């Protein structure tokens, strides 16, 4: 029961080999071109205000805060839904239930922040 670092992950990785140097270089080139651009708090100061807290808390658990202009207001809800599914899988892979008093982030609050700052 160590979540995604326990037995399930070990079983999934059986037989996986490290990439060749050429494959590694191709992956690095791809990531440099397509990697997530981090949010600049100077350009979106609301990220550090109470209205930005749900976004900041949820997204920073797994990666740098994404620039809200990466997607349009129409695209963000699907991205947030996908991330919520990922978080549920990672945090609940052993079938545990939320703990009493555990912070529950509302996707409506996260989407509202992202939509306000999304690419037009």
Protein backbone atom coordinates (compact mmCIF):
# COMPACT_ATOMS: atom_id res chain seq x y z
CA UNK A 1 0.00 0.00 0.00
CA UNK A 2 2.36 2.76 -1.10
CA UNK A 3 0.05 4.24 -3.73
CA UNK A 4 1.57 4.41 -7.17
CA UNK A 5 5.05 3.67 -5.74
CA UNK A 6 4.06 0.28 -4.39
CA UNK A 7 3.51 -3.15 -5.91
CA UNK A 8 1.37 -1.89 -8.81
CA UNK A 9 4.15 0.35 -10.16
CA UNK A 10 6.78 -2.34 -9.70
CA UNK A 11 4.65 -4.78 -11.71
CA UNK A 12 4.02 -2.22 -14.45
CA UNK A 13 7.75 -1.52 -14.88
CA UNK A 14 8.91 -5.16 -15.23
CA UNK A 15 10.98 -5.48 -18.41
CA UNK A 16 11.13 -1.74 -19.13
CA UNK A 17 14.60 -0.77 -20.35
CA UNK A 18 16.27 2.63 -20.37
CA UNK A 19 16.04 4.45 -23.72
CA UNK A 20 18.97 4.50 -26.11
CA UNK A 21 21.04 7.70 -26.39
CA UNK A 22 19.30 8.57 -29.67
CA UNK A 23 15.86 8.03 -28.11
CA UNK A 24 16.85 10.08 -25.09
CA UNK A 25 18.00 12.96 -27.30
CA UNK A 26 14.74 12.80 -29.29
CA UNK A 27 12.69 12.91 -26.08
CA UNK A 28 14.66 15.84 -24.69
CA UNK A 29 14.24 17.77 -27.96
CA UNK A 30 10.50 17.08 -27.92
CA UNK A 31 10.15 18.18 -24.30
CA UNK A 32 12.15 21.37 -24.88
CA UNK A 33 9.80 22.25 -27.72
CA UNK A 34 6.50 21.20 -26.10
CA UNK A 35 7.06 21.38 -22.34
CA UNK A 36 4.59 23.15 -20.13
CA UNK A 37 5.29 26.84 -19.71
CA UNK A 38 5.08 27.84 -16.06
CA UNK A 39 2.81 30.59 -14.85
CA UNK A 40 4.56 33.92 -14.26
CA UNK A 41 3.14 35.23 -10.95
CA UNK A 42 4.14 38.76 -12.00
CA UNK A 43 1.68 38.51 -14.91
CA UNK A 44 -1.05 36.74 -12.88
CA UNK A 45 -0.72 38.10 -9.32
CA UNK A 46 -4.14 36.68 -8.42
CA UNK A 47 -2.44 33.28 -8.21
CA UNK A 48 -1.17 34.27 -4.75
CA UNK A 49 -4.52 35.71 -3.63
CA UNK A 50 -7.29 33.63 -1.99
CA UNK A 51 -9.02 33.24 -5.37
CA UNK A 52 -5.93 31.46 -6.72
CA UNK A 53 -5.53 29.08 -3.78
CA UNK A 54 -7.54 26.11 -5.15
CA UNK A 55 -5.64 26.27 -8.46
CA UNK A 56 -2.30 26.72 -6.71
CA UNK A 57 -2.88 23.90 -4.19
CA UNK A 58 -4.24 21.36 -6.67
CA UNK A 59 -1.85 21.90 -9.56
CA UNK A 60 1.38 22.33 -7.59
CA UNK A 61 1.03 18.84 -6.11
CA UNK A 62 2.25 17.27 -9.35
CA UNK A 63 3.92 19.93 -11.50
CA UNK A 64 4.76 23.59 -11.91
CA UNK A 65 1.75 25.86 -12.13
CA UNK A 66 0.70 26.04 -15.79
CA UNK A 67 0.30 29.33 -17.57
CA UNK A 68 -3.50 29.84 -17.82
CA UNK A 69 -2.99 31.15 -21.35
CA UNK A 70 -1.85 27.72 -22.48
CA UNK A 71 -5.49 26.88 -23.23
CA UNK A 72 -8.65 28.80 -23.95
CA UNK A 73 -11.46 29.21 -21.42
CA UNK A 74 -13.38 26.58 -23.35
CA UNK A 75 -10.51 24.05 -23.22
CA UNK A 76 -9.57 24.31 -19.53
CA UNK A 77 -12.50 22.37 -17.99
CA UNK A 78 -11.55 19.21 -19.92
CA UNK A 79 -7.91 19.60 -18.84
CA UNK A 80 -8.95 20.04 -15.19
CA UNK A 81 -11.22 17.00 -15.41
CA UNK A 82 -8.35 14.90 -16.79
CA UNK A 83 -6.03 16.12 -14.03
CA UNK A 84 -8.65 15.34 -11.40
CA UNK A 85 -8.86 11.77 -12.71
CA UNK A 86 -5.06 11.49 -12.57
CA UNK A 87 -4.99 12.76 -8.99
CA UNK A 88 -7.71 10.34 -7.90
CA UNK A 89 -5.82 7.44 -9.44
CA UNK A 90 -2.48 8.44 -7.92
CA UNK A 91 -3.85 9.24 -4.48
CA UNK A 92 -6.38 6.43 -4.20
CA UNK A 93 -4.73 3.58 -6.11
CA UNK A 94 -5.01 1.28 -3.07
CA UNK A 95 -8.72 2.00 -2.70
CA UNK A 96 -8.52 4.22 0.36
CA UNK A 97 -11.18 6.79 1.12
CA UNK A 98 -10.68 10.50 1.85
CA UNK A 99 -9.72 11.17 5.45
CA UNK A 100 -12.09 13.18 7.65
CA UNK A 101 -11.05 16.83 7.47
CA UNK A 102 -8.95 16.26 4.34
CA UNK A 103 -8.99 19.31 2.06
CA UNK A 104 -11.32 18.73 -0.88
CA UNK A 105 -10.61 21.06 -3.79
CA UNK A 106 -13.54 22.06 -5.94
CA UNK A 107 -12.96 21.90 -9.69
CA UNK A 108 -15.43 24.79 -10.10
CA UNK A 109 -13.02 27.08 -8.23
CA UNK A 110 -10.02 25.89 -10.21
CA UNK A 111 -11.85 26.31 -13.53
CA UNK A 112 -13.07 29.79 -12.55
CA UNK A 113 -9.50 30.93 -11.92
CA UNK A 114 -8.17 29.40 -15.15
CA UNK A 115 -11.05 30.74 -17.27
CA UNK A 116 -10.50 34.28 -15.95
CA UNK A 117 -6.87 34.15 -17.08
CA UNK A 118 -7.16 31.90 -20.15
CA UNK A 119 -6.04 32.70 -23.65
CA UNK A 120 -8.72 34.56 -25.56
